[in-house]
Amino acid sequence: MCASIVDYPSSDTDSSEDENESSEPVVAVVVSTSDASGSTVSMKRESSNEIQSQGHMKRQKIKNIKKNILPLPDSIHTMFKDDKRHEDDNSQHGGRIRSFQHVAGNWATYVYIPFSSDERFDDLVQELMTCLQDFKFEKMSDYHISLSRIVTIRHHWIESLTQSLKMKLLKFNRFICSTANFKFYTNDERTRTFLSLQVTDPGEKLNQLTCLIDESFQEFNLDKYYKNPSYHISIGWCLGDVLNQITDNKQSEMQDILSTFLEENEDLSYIDVDEIKCKIGNKVFTYHMLNS
């Protein structure tokens, strides 16, 4: 095989880019070879300058296309910001710290028995808060008996989870439980202390309900409730773990207040459990129980 090179005079190296494009040397490489029949076949290879020129033209076309593309509105850009995190401001909710970080698309979920208070009960709570004023206890915004942990679920799980709970809970008969004593609790992180009324249930209906709810939660790999749950109605809270700071004398004083109140208002010592609620984000699903 033989190769012959045809060369042309080069242009002035100080010329502009446009001049280079018009006057750069063109080098043609003609390659002669023989095919199977012995005939000579000539092939022409593009020079490196031609390849560079073609590449430049392609890049120029891309630039022109980009110039003609209309810019996206700002409203579209803001829809896809990289920072999706929610900055939690503790001052907006009494200094309380979340048990878990807020994640966009996750919904806080728990199941509970609602407890409706009246003016008499509110007076009792206020009197007990006064006993604990040194610790800055505050009244709860609502009263309920928790039947599950607080878990987080994805939005597309909501319908399936609520249907699973419905199939189990609507078959349950209403029942009565009672309260007679108070107890202090802390959350798992020990960032808050709660004053609560203990709830007793001789028929262990509360445990049965929790087992049913755990079954539904397990379908979505959610955490079960505590192994040996202590059912209660939280009525007040304060920041931090103050369990060891509340004296026995103070607790005896508070128990006397509660016992006297329940003797005078016996109807408030009983809780008629006729419905169960599941709160998912800002949505509340209610399950009415059967009349026994």
C-alpha atoms as a PDB file:
ATOM      1  CA  MET A   1       0.000   0.000   0.000  1.00  0.00           C
ATOM      2  CA  CYS A   2       1.279   3.473  -0.860  1.00  0.00           C
ATOM      3  CA  ALA A   3       0.034   6.856   0.330  1.00  0.00           C
ATOM      4  CA  SER A   4       0.530  10.206  -1.365  1.00  0.00           C
ATOM      5  CA  ILE A   5      -0.030  13.541   0.385  1.00  0.00           C
ATOM      6  CA  VAL A   6      -1.169  16.667  -1.447  1.00  0.00           C
ATOM      7  CA  ASP A   7      -0.209  19.803   0.528  1.00  0.00           C
ATOM      8  CA  TYR A   8      -1.288  23.434   0.057  1.00  0.00           C
ATOM      9  CA  PRO A   9       0.331  26.635   1.310  1.00  0.00           C
ATOM     10  CA  SER A  10      -0.698  27.543   4.860  1.00  0.00           C
ATOM     11  CA  SER A  11      -2.291  30.859   5.784  1.00  0.00           C
ATOM     12  CA  ASP A  12      -0.879  33.551   8.055  1.00  0.00           C
ATOM     13  CA  THR A  13      -0.989  32.278  11.657  1.00  0.00           C
ATOM     14  CA  ASP A  14      -1.836  35.777  12.979  1.00  0.00           C
ATOM     15  CA  SER A  15      -5.145  35.958  11.114  1.00  0.00           C
ATOM     16  CA  SER A  16      -8.512  35.916  12.839  1.00  0.00           C
ATOM     17  CA  GLU A  17     -10.628  32.807  13.546  1.00  0.00           C
ATOM     18  CA  ASP A  18     -12.893  33.612  10.601  1.00  0.00           C
ATOM     19  CA  GLU A  19      -9.879  33.969   8.316  1.00  0.00           C
ATOM     20  CA  ASN A  20      -8.519  30.646   9.542  1.00  0.00           C
ATOM     21  CA  GLU A  21     -11.773  28.966   8.649  1.00  0.00           C
ATOM     22  CA  SER A  22     -11.609  30.299   5.065  1.00  0.00           C
ATOM     23  CA  SER A  23      -7.873  29.945   4.395  1.00  0.00           C
ATOM     24  CA  GLU A  24      -6.655  26.949   6.424  1.00  0.00           C
ATOM     25  CA  PRO A  25      -4.838  24.337   4.351  1.00  0.00           C
ATOM     26  CA  VAL A  26      -6.829  21.458   3.001  1.00  0.00           C
ATOM     27  CA  VAL A  27      -4.946  18.207   3.158  1.00  0.00           C
ATOM     28  CA  ALA A  28      -6.296  15.280   1.226  1.00  0.00           C
ATOM     29  CA  VAL A  29      -4.871  11.869   1.893  1.00  0.00           C
ATOM     30  CA  VAL A  30      -5.330   9.453  -0.943  1.00  0.00           C
ATOM     31  CA  VAL A  31      -4.706   5.865  -0.025  1.00  0.00           C
ATOM     32  CA  SER A  32      -4.221   3.338  -2.778  1.00  0.00           C
ATOM     33  CA  THR A  33      -4.672  -0.329  -2.029  1.00  0.00           C
ATOM     34  CA  SER A  34      -5.585  -3.436  -3.889  1.00  0.00           C
ATOM     35  CA  ASP A  35      -8.796  -5.391  -3.559  1.00  0.00           C
ATOM     36  CA  ALA A  36      -9.164  -9.131  -3.794  1.00  0.00           C
ATOM     37  CA  SER A  37      -9.121  -9.030  -7.626  1.00  0.00           C
ATOM     38  CA  GLY A  38      -5.865  -7.119  -7.714  1.00  0.00           C
ATOM     39  CA  SER A  39      -7.484  -3.840  -8.809  1.00  0.00           C
ATOM     40  CA  THR A  40      -6.313  -0.633  -7.258  1.00  0.00           C
ATOM     41  CA  VAL A  41      -8.825   1.158  -5.069  1.00  0.00           C
ATOM     42  CA  SER A  42      -8.348   4.782  -4.019  1.00  0.00           C
ATOM     43  CA  MET A  43      -9.746   6.025  -0.701  1.00  0.00           C
ATOM     44  CA  LYS A  44      -9.776   9.618   0.484  1.00  0.00           C
ATOM     45  CA  ARG A  45      -9.387  10.379   4.206  1.00  0.00           C
ATOM     46  CA  GLU A  46     -10.504  13.698   5.670  1.00  0.00           C
ATOM     47  CA  SER A  47      -7.725  15.812   7.094  1.00  0.00           C
ATOM     48  CA  SER A  48      -7.693  16.823  10.771  1.00  0.00           C
ATOM     49  CA  ASN A  49      -8.437  20.425   9.735  1.00  0.00           C
ATOM     50  CA  GLU A  50     -11.604  19.342   7.950  1.00  0.00           C
ATOM     51  CA  ILE A  51     -12.756  17.397  11.018  1.00  0.00           C
ATOM     52  CA  GLN A  52     -12.105  20.404  13.259  1.00  0.00           C
ATOM     53  CA  SER A  53     -14.014  22.637  10.855  1.00  0.00           C
ATOM     54  CA  GLN A  54     -17.016  20.301  10.897  1.00  0.00           C
ATOM     55  CA  GLY A  55     -16.906  20.147  14.708  1.00  0.00           C
ATOM     56  CA  HIS A  56     -16.873  23.934  14.885  1.00  0.00           C
ATOM     57  CA  MET A  57     -19.913  24.134  12.611  1.00  0.00           C
ATOM     58  CA  LYS A  58     -21.824  21.670  14.802  1.00  0.00           C
ATOM     59  CA  ARG A  59     -20.989  23.636  17.949  1.00  0.00           C
ATOM     60  CA  GLN A  60     -22.115  26.832  16.246  1.00  0.00           C
ATOM     61  CA  LYS A  61     -25.451  25.232  15.322  1.00  0.00           C
ATOM     62  CA  ILE A  62     -25.984  24.139  18.945  1.00  0.00           C
ATOM     63  CA  LYS A  63     -25.274  27.691  20.140  1.00  0.00           C
ATOM     64  CA  ASN A  64     -27.795  29.071  17.678  1.00  0.00           C
ATOM     65  CA  ILE A  65     -30.432  26.572  18.832  1.00  0.00           C
ATOM     66  CA  LYS A  66     -29.851  27.490  22.489  1.00  0.00           C
ATOM     67  CA  LYS A  67     -30.226  31.180  21.652  1.00  0.00           C
ATOM     68  CA  ASN A  68     -33.637  30.507  20.136  1.00  0.00           C
ATOM     69  CA  ILE A  69     -34.981  28.521  23.150  1.00  0.00           C
ATOM     70  CA  LEU A  70     -37.430  30.554  25.210  1.00  0.00           C
ATOM     71  CA  PRO A  71     -36.471  30.872  28.917  1.00  0.00           C
ATOM     72  CA  LEU A  72     -38.621  29.071  31.518  1.00  0.00           C
ATOM     73  CA  PRO A  73     -40.777  31.273  33.760  1.00  0.00           C
ATOM     74  CA  ASP A  74     -39.538  31.800  37.339  1.00  0.00           C
ATOM     75  CA  SER A  75     -42.629  30.001  38.641  1.00  0.00           C
ATOM     76  CA  ILE A  76     -41.432  26.808  36.949  1.00  0.00           C
ATOM     77  CA  HIS A  77     -37.907  27.111  38.365  1.00  0.00           C
ATOM     78  CA  THR A  78     -39.216  27.492  41.917  1.00  0.00           C
ATOM     79  CA  MET A  79     -41.144  24.225  41.595  1.00  0.00           C
ATOM     80  CA  PHE A  80     -37.903  22.260  41.415  1.00  0.00           C
ATOM     81  CA  LYS A  81     -35.640  23.874  43.958  1.00  0.00           C
ATOM     82  CA  ASP A  82     -32.944  21.553  45.305  1.00  0.00           C
ATOM     83  CA  ASP A  83     -33.599  22.402  48.936  1.00  0.00           C
ATOM     84  CA  LYS A  84     -36.732  20.486  49.961  1.00  0.00           C
ATOM     85  CA  ARG A  85     -35.998  20.471  53.693  1.00  0.00           C
ATOM     86  CA  HIS A  86     -38.415  21.998  56.152  1.00  0.00           C
ATOM     87  CA  GLU A  87     -36.716  24.234  58.700  1.00  0.00           C
ATOM     88  CA  ASP A  88     -38.540  23.658  61.973  1.00  0.00           C
ATOM     89  CA  ASP A  89     -39.005  26.695  64.239  1.00  0.00           C
ATOM     90  CA  ASN A  90     -39.390  25.484  67.826  1.00  0.00           C
ATOM     91  CA  SER A  91     -40.611  28.902  68.943  1.00  0.00           C
ATOM     92  CA  GLN A  92     -43.779  28.364  66.902  1.00  0.00           C
ATOM     93  CA  HIS A  93     -44.905  25.485  69.123  1.00  0.00           C
ATOM     94  CA  GLY A  94     -43.767  26.193  72.655  1.00  0.00           C
ATOM     95  CA  GLY A  95     -40.174  25.061  72.220  1.00  0.00           C
ATOM     96  CA  ARG A  96     -41.175  21.470  71.544  1.00  0.00           C
ATOM     97  CA  ILE A  97     -38.748  19.438  69.444  1.00  0.00           C
ATOM     98  CA  ARG A  98     -39.955  17.024  66.791  1.00  0.00           C
ATOM     99  CA  SER A  99     -39.435  13.333  67.534  1.00  0.00           C
ATOM    100  CA  PHE A 100     -38.462  12.935  63.882  1.00  0.00           C
ATOM    101  CA  GLN A 101     -37.498  15.323  61.103  1.00  0.00           C
ATOM    102  CA  HIS A 102     -40.170  16.610  58.768  1.00  0.00           C
ATOM    103  CA  VAL A 103     -39.754  15.078  55.316  1.00  0.00           C
ATOM    104  CA  ALA A 104     -41.756  16.301  52.334  1.00  0.00           C
ATOM    105  CA  GLY A 105     -44.246  13.622  51.302  1.00  0.00           C
ATOM    106  CA  ASN A 106     -44.269  11.889  54.709  1.00  0.00           C
ATOM    107  CA  TRP A 107     -47.416  12.104  56.860  1.00  0.00           C
ATOM    108  CA  ALA A 108     -47.354  11.766  60.665  1.00  0.00           C
ATOM    109  CA  THR A 109     -49.895   9.113  61.644  1.00  0.00           C
ATOM    110  CA  TYR A 110     -51.341   7.715  64.867  1.00  0.00           C
ATOM    111  CA  VAL A 111     -54.505   6.012  66.153  1.00  0.00           C
ATOM    112  CA  TYR A 112     -56.318   7.070  69.327  1.00  0.00           C
ATOM    113  CA  ILE A 113     -59.540   7.186  71.337  1.00  0.00           C
ATOM    114  CA  PRO A 114     -60.831  10.764  71.666  1.00  0.00           C
ATOM    115  CA  PHE A 115     -61.827  12.074  75.092  1.00  0.00           C
ATOM    116  CA  SER A 116     -64.263  14.978  75.299  1.00  0.00           C
ATOM    117  CA  SER A 117     -63.855  17.234  78.307  1.00  0.00           C
ATOM    118  CA  ASP A 118     -66.347  19.559  79.920  1.00  0.00           C
ATOM    119  CA  GLU A 119     -65.996  22.612  82.133  1.00  0.00           C
ATOM    120  CA  ARG A 120     -65.629  20.504  85.277  1.00  0.00           C
ATOM    121  CA  PHE A 121     -62.778  18.499  83.813  1.00  0.00           C
ATOM    122  CA  ASP A 122     -61.055  21.647  82.565  1.00  0.00           C
ATOM    123  CA  ASP A 123     -61.220  23.070  86.093  1.00  0.00           C
ATOM    124  CA  LEU A 124     -59.558  19.907  87.430  1.00  0.00           C
ATOM    125  CA  VAL A 125     -56.762  20.178  84.889  1.00  0.00           C
ATOM    126  CA  GLN A 126     -56.199  23.831  85.746  1.00  0.00           C
ATOM    127  CA  GLU A 127     -55.940  23.025  89.459  1.00  0.00           C
ATOM    128  CA  LEU A 128     -53.352  20.328  88.770  1.00  0.00           C
ATOM    129  CA  MET A 129     -51.401  22.708  86.515  1.00  0.00           C
ATOM    130  CA  THR A 130     -51.289  25.184  89.392  1.00  0.00           C
ATOM    131  CA  CYS A 131     -49.653  22.512  91.565  1.00  0.00           C
ATOM    132  CA  LEU A 132     -46.918  22.189  88.940  1.00  0.00           C
ATOM    133  CA  GLN A 133     -46.420  25.875  88.146  1.00  0.00           C
ATOM    134  CA  ASP A 134     -42.752  25.721  89.211  1.00  0.00           C
ATOM    135  CA  PHE A 135     -42.126  23.454  86.224  1.00  0.00           C
ATOM    136  CA  LYS A 136     -44.151  25.557  83.769  1.00  0.00           C
ATOM    137  CA  PHE A 137     -46.610  22.821  82.872  1.00  0.00           C
ATOM    138  CA  GLU A 138     -49.154  23.667  80.175  1.00  0.00           C
ATOM    139  CA  LYS A 139     -52.528  22.129  79.347  1.00  0.00           C
ATOM    140  CA  MET A 140     -52.730  19.767  76.399  1.00  0.00           C
ATOM    141  CA  SER A 141     -54.571  21.132  73.376  1.00  0.00           C
ATOM    142  CA  ASP A 142     -56.736  17.991  73.233  1.00  0.00           C
ATOM    143  CA  TYR A 143     -57.254  14.822  75.261  1.00  0.00           C
ATOM    144  CA  HIS A 144     -57.073  11.257  73.981  1.00  0.00           C
ATOM    145  CA  ILE A 145     -55.914   7.696  74.687  1.00  0.00           C
ATOM    146  CA  SER A 146     -53.142   6.651  72.307  1.00  0.00           C
ATOM    147  CA  LEU A 147     -53.434   3.199  70.732  1.00  0.00           C
ATOM    148  CA  SER A 148     -50.349   3.394  68.505  1.00  0.00           C
ATOM    149  CA  ARG A 149     -47.014   5.064  68.130  1.00  0.00           C
ATOM    150  CA  ILE A 150     -46.666   8.116  65.937  1.00  0.00           C
ATOM    151  CA  VAL A 151     -45.319   6.843  62.623  1.00  0.00           C
ATOM    152  CA  THR A 152     -44.803   8.390  59.191  1.00  0.00           C
ATOM    153  CA  ILE A 153     -46.383   7.077  56.009  1.00  0.00           C
ATOM    154  CA  ARG A 154     -46.261   8.000  52.332  1.00  0.00           C
ATOM    155  CA  HIS A 155     -49.261   9.739  50.790  1.00  0.00           C
ATOM    156  CA  HIS A 156     -50.109   6.817  48.510  1.00  0.00           C
ATOM    157  CA  TRP A 157     -50.425   4.511  51.552  1.00  0.00           C
ATOM    158  CA  ILE A 158     -53.260   6.496  53.127  1.00  0.00           C
ATOM    159  CA  GLU A 159     -56.174   4.782  51.413  1.00  0.00           C
ATOM    160  CA  SER A 160     -54.798   1.259  51.912  1.00  0.00           C
ATOM    161  CA  LEU A 161     -53.960   1.821  55.583  1.00  0.00           C
ATOM    162  CA  THR A 162     -57.290   3.422  56.467  1.00  0.00           C
ATOM    163  CA  GLN A 163     -59.175   0.632  54.704  1.00  0.00           C
ATOM    164  CA  SER A 164     -57.183  -1.977  56.620  1.00  0.00           C
ATOM    165  CA  LEU A 165     -58.010  -0.259  59.925  1.00  0.00           C
ATOM    166  CA  LYS A 166     -61.665   0.052  58.944  1.00  0.00           C
ATOM    167  CA  MET A 167     -62.012  -3.678  58.226  1.00  0.00           C
ATOM    168  CA  LYS A 168     -60.673  -4.497  61.686  1.00  0.00           C
ATOM    169  CA  LEU A 169     -62.065  -1.763  63.931  1.00  0.00           C
ATOM    170  CA  LEU A 170     -65.658  -1.621  62.701  1.00  0.00           C
ATOM    171  CA  LYS A 171     -66.209  -5.155  64.003  1.00  0.00           C
ATOM    172  CA  PHE A 172     -65.325  -4.100  67.555  1.00  0.00           C
ATOM    173  CA  ASN A 173     -68.012  -3.468  70.202  1.00  0.00           C
ATOM    174  CA  ARG A 174     -68.029  -0.290  72.264  1.00  0.00           C
ATOM    175  CA  PHE A 175     -66.923  -0.632  75.900  1.00  0.00           C
ATOM    176  CA  ILE A 176     -66.267   1.270  79.129  1.00  0.00           C
ATOM    177  CA  CYS A 177     -62.932   1.993  80.781  1.00  0.00           C
ATOM    178  CA  SER A 178     -62.129   4.152  83.808  1.00  0.00           C
ATOM    179  CA  THR A 179     -59.545   6.378  85.459  1.00  0.00           C
ATOM    180  CA  ALA A 180     -58.666   6.891  89.119  1.00  0.00           C
ATOM    181  CA  ASN A 181     -54.955   7.790  89.362  1.00  0.00           C
ATOM    182  CA  PHE A 182     -52.402  10.009  87.673  1.00  0.00           C
ATOM    183  CA  LYS A 183     -48.894   9.246  86.481  1.00  0.00           C
ATOM    184  CA  PHE A 184     -45.977  11.130  84.928  1.00  0.00           C
ATOM    185  CA  TYR A 185     -44.419  10.035  81.644  1.00  0.00           C
ATOM    186  CA  THR A 186     -41.667  11.257  79.343  1.00  0.00           C
ATOM    187  CA  ASN A 187     -41.421  10.874  75.585  1.00  0.00           C
ATOM    188  CA  ASP A 188     -38.807   8.514  74.138  1.00  0.00           C
ATOM    189  CA  GLU A 189     -36.316  11.348  73.664  1.00  0.00           C
ATOM    190  CA  ARG A 190     -36.922  12.676  77.203  1.00  0.00           C
ATOM    191  CA  THR A 191     -37.428  16.162  75.824  1.00  0.00           C
ATOM    192  CA  ARG A 192     -40.867  16.510  77.446  1.00  0.00           C
ATOM    193  CA  THR A 193     -42.636  15.369  80.616  1.00  0.00           C
ATOM    194  CA  PHE A 194     -46.371  14.636  80.666  1.00  0.00           C
ATOM    195  CA  LEU A 195     -48.933  14.600  83.459  1.00  0.00           C
ATOM    196  CA  SER A 196     -51.471  11.884  82.630  1.00  0.00           C
ATOM    197  CA  LEU A 197     -54.500  10.094  84.020  1.00  0.00           C
ATOM    198  CA  GLN A 198     -54.046   6.330  84.005  1.00  0.00           C
ATOM    199  CA  VAL A 199     -56.776   4.375  82.227  1.00  0.00           C
ATOM    200  CA  THR A 200     -57.822   0.940  83.482  1.00  0.00           C
ATOM    201  CA  ASP A 201     -59.562  -1.660  81.367  1.00  0.00           C
ATOM    202  CA  PRO A 202     -60.489  -4.925  83.165  1.00  0.00           C
ATOM    203  CA  GLY A 203     -61.580  -6.609  79.932  1.00  0.00           C
ATOM    204  CA  GLU A 204     -58.288  -5.740  78.190  1.00  0.00           C
ATOM    205  CA  LYS A 205     -60.215  -4.283  75.278  1.00  0.00           C
ATOM    206  CA  LEU A 206     -57.561  -1.614  74.825  1.00  0.00           C
ATOM    207  CA  ASN A 207     -54.915  -4.295  74.352  1.00  0.00           C
ATOM    208  CA  GLN A 208     -57.099  -6.064  71.814  1.00  0.00           C
ATOM    209  CA  LEU A 209     -57.523  -2.842  69.866  1.00  0.00           C
ATOM    210  CA  THR A 210     -53.795  -2.208  69.887  1.00  0.00           C
ATOM    211  CA  CYS A 211     -53.124  -5.705  68.534  1.00  0.00           C
ATOM    212  CA  LEU A 212     -55.510  -5.086  65.633  1.00  0.00           C
ATOM    213  CA  ILE A 213     -53.882  -1.739  64.866  1.00  0.00           C
ATOM    214  CA  ASP A 214     -50.419  -3.318  65.048  1.00  0.00           C
ATOM    215  CA  GLU A 215     -51.541  -5.854  62.438  1.00  0.00           C
ATOM    216  CA  SER A 216     -52.511  -3.064  60.050  1.00  0.00           C
ATOM    217  CA  PHE A 217     -49.279  -1.181  60.738  1.00  0.00           C
ATOM    218  CA  GLN A 218     -47.198  -4.293  60.096  1.00  0.00           C
ATOM    219  CA  GLU A 219     -48.673  -4.534  56.593  1.00  0.00           C
ATOM    220  CA  PHE A 220     -46.657  -1.380  55.872  1.00  0.00           C
ATOM    221  CA  ASN A 221     -43.622  -2.285  58.035  1.00  0.00           C
ATOM    222  CA  LEU A 222     -44.546   0.399  60.577  1.00  0.00           C
ATOM    223  CA  ASP A 223     -43.521   0.203  64.235  1.00  0.00           C
ATOM    224  CA  LYS A 224     -45.801  -1.602  66.656  1.00  0.00           C
ATOM    225  CA  TYR A 225     -46.999  -0.012  69.887  1.00  0.00           C
ATOM    226  CA  TYR A 226     -45.051  -0.532  73.110  1.00  0.00           C
ATOM    227  CA  LYS A 227     -44.770  -4.147  74.268  1.00  0.00           C
ATOM    228  CA  ASN A 228     -46.481  -3.541  77.626  1.00  0.00           C
ATOM    229  CA  PRO A 229     -48.478  -0.364  77.011  1.00  0.00           C
ATOM    230  CA  SER A 230     -49.615   1.847  79.871  1.00  0.00           C
ATOM    231  CA  TYR A 231     -52.797   3.468  78.586  1.00  0.00           C
ATOM    232  CA  HIS A 232     -53.396   7.024  79.733  1.00  0.00           C
ATOM    233  CA  ILE A 233     -54.835  10.452  78.937  1.00  0.00           C
ATOM    234  CA  SER A 234     -52.168  13.156  78.925  1.00  0.00           C
ATOM    235  CA  ILE A 235     -53.546  16.401  80.348  1.00  0.00           C
ATOM    236  CA  GLY A 236     -50.423  18.580  80.686  1.00  0.00           C
ATOM    237  CA  TRP A 237     -46.808  18.833  79.584  1.00  0.00           C
ATOM    238  CA  CYS A 238     -43.565  20.714  80.170  1.00  0.00           C
ATOM    239  CA  LEU A 239     -40.200  20.870  78.460  1.00  0.00           C
ATOM    240  CA  GLY A 240     -37.461  18.525  79.627  1.00  0.00           C
ATOM    241  CA  ASP A 241     -37.389  15.508  81.934  1.00  0.00           C
ATOM    242  CA  VAL A 242     -38.491  16.653  85.412  1.00  0.00           C
ATOM    243  CA  LEU A 243     -39.586  13.277  86.828  1.00  0.00           C
ATOM    244  CA  ASN A 244     -36.970  13.291  89.583  1.00  0.00           C
ATOM    245  CA  GLN A 245     -37.745  16.879  90.574  1.00  0.00           C
ATOM    246  CA  ILE A 246     -41.399  16.357  91.532  1.00  0.00           C
ATOM    247  CA  THR A 247     -41.474  15.427  95.210  1.00  0.00           C
ATOM    248  CA  ASP A 248     -43.564  12.665  96.781  1.00  0.00           C
ATOM    249  CA  ASN A 249     -45.405  15.284  98.844  1.00  0.00           C
ATOM    250  CA  LYS A 250     -46.364  17.152  95.691  1.00  0.00           C
ATOM    251  CA  GLN A 251     -47.627  13.967  94.074  1.00  0.00           C
ATOM    252  CA  SER A 252     -49.662  13.057  97.172  1.00  0.00           C
ATOM    253  CA  GLU A 253     -51.244  16.511  97.116  1.00  0.00           C
ATOM    254  CA  MET A 254     -52.186  16.059  93.473  1.00  0.00           C
ATOM    255  CA  GLN A 255     -53.634  12.584  94.051  1.00  0.00           C
ATOM    256  CA  ASP A 256     -55.851  13.962  96.820  1.00  0.00           C
ATOM    257  CA  ILE A 257     -57.151  16.636  94.437  1.00  0.00           C
ATOM    258  CA  LEU A 258     -57.936  14.014  91.775  1.00  0.00           C
ATOM    259  CA  SER A 259     -59.605  11.564  94.175  1.00  0.00           C
ATOM    260  CA  THR A 260     -61.819  14.268  95.679  1.00  0.00           C
ATOM    261  CA  PHE A 261     -62.810  15.459  92.230  1.00  0.00           C
ATOM    262  CA  LEU A 262     -63.788  11.970  91.009  1.00  0.00           C
ATOM    263  CA  GLU A 263     -65.843  11.340  94.151  1.00  0.00           C
ATOM    264  CA  GLU A 264     -67.803  14.509  93.476  1.00  0.00           C
ATOM    265  CA  ASN A 265     -68.011  13.899  89.714  1.00  0.00           C
ATOM    266  CA  GLU A 266     -68.270  10.134  89.453  1.00  0.00           C
ATOM    267  CA  ASP A 267     -69.486  10.221  85.846  1.00  0.00           C
ATOM    268  CA  LEU A 268     -66.146  11.657  84.763  1.00  0.00           C
ATOM    269  CA  SER A 269     -64.279   8.633  86.085  1.00  0.00           C
ATOM    270  CA  TYR A 270     -65.751   6.516  83.265  1.00  0.00           C
ATOM    271  CA  ILE A 271     -64.899   6.725  79.588  1.00  0.00           C
ATOM    272  CA  ASP A 272     -67.347   5.444  76.992  1.00  0.00           C
ATOM    273  CA  VAL A 273     -65.277   4.158  74.084  1.00  0.00           C
ATOM    274  CA  ASP A 274     -67.606   4.291  71.071  1.00  0.00           C
ATOM    275  CA  GLU A 275     -65.269   5.495  68.322  1.00  0.00           C
ATOM    276  CA  ILE A 276     -61.639   5.391  67.281  1.00  0.00           C
ATOM    277  CA  LYS A 277     -59.821   7.976  65.202  1.00  0.00           C
ATOM    278  CA  CYS A 278     -56.789   7.839  62.960  1.00  0.00           C
ATOM    279  CA  LYS A 279     -55.021  11.131  62.313  1.00  0.00           C
ATOM    280  CA  ILE A 280     -52.838  11.319  59.196  1.00  0.00           C
ATOM    281  CA  GLY A 281     -51.303  14.754  58.745  1.00  0.00           C
ATOM    282  CA  ASN A 282     -54.269  17.128  58.914  1.00  0.00           C
ATOM    283  CA  LYS A 283     -56.791  14.444  57.949  1.00  0.00           C
ATOM    284  CA  VAL A 284     -58.846  12.585  60.580  1.00  0.00           C
ATOM    285  CA  PHE A 285     -60.600   9.273  59.889  1.00  0.00           C
ATOM    286  CA  THR A 286     -63.305   8.122  62.326  1.00  0.00           C
ATOM    287  CA  TYR A 287     -64.358   4.519  62.958  1.00  0.00           C
ATOM    288  CA  HIS A 288     -67.593   4.060  64.886  1.00  0.00           C
ATOM    289  CA  MET A 289     -67.816   0.934  67.009  1.00  0.00           C
ATOM    290  CA  LEU A 290     -70.727  -1.500  67.259  1.00  0.00           C
ATOM    291  CA  ASN A 291     -73.286  -1.231  70.043  1.00  0.00           C
ATOM    292  CA  SER A 292     -72.935  -4.295  72.258  1.00  0.00           C
END
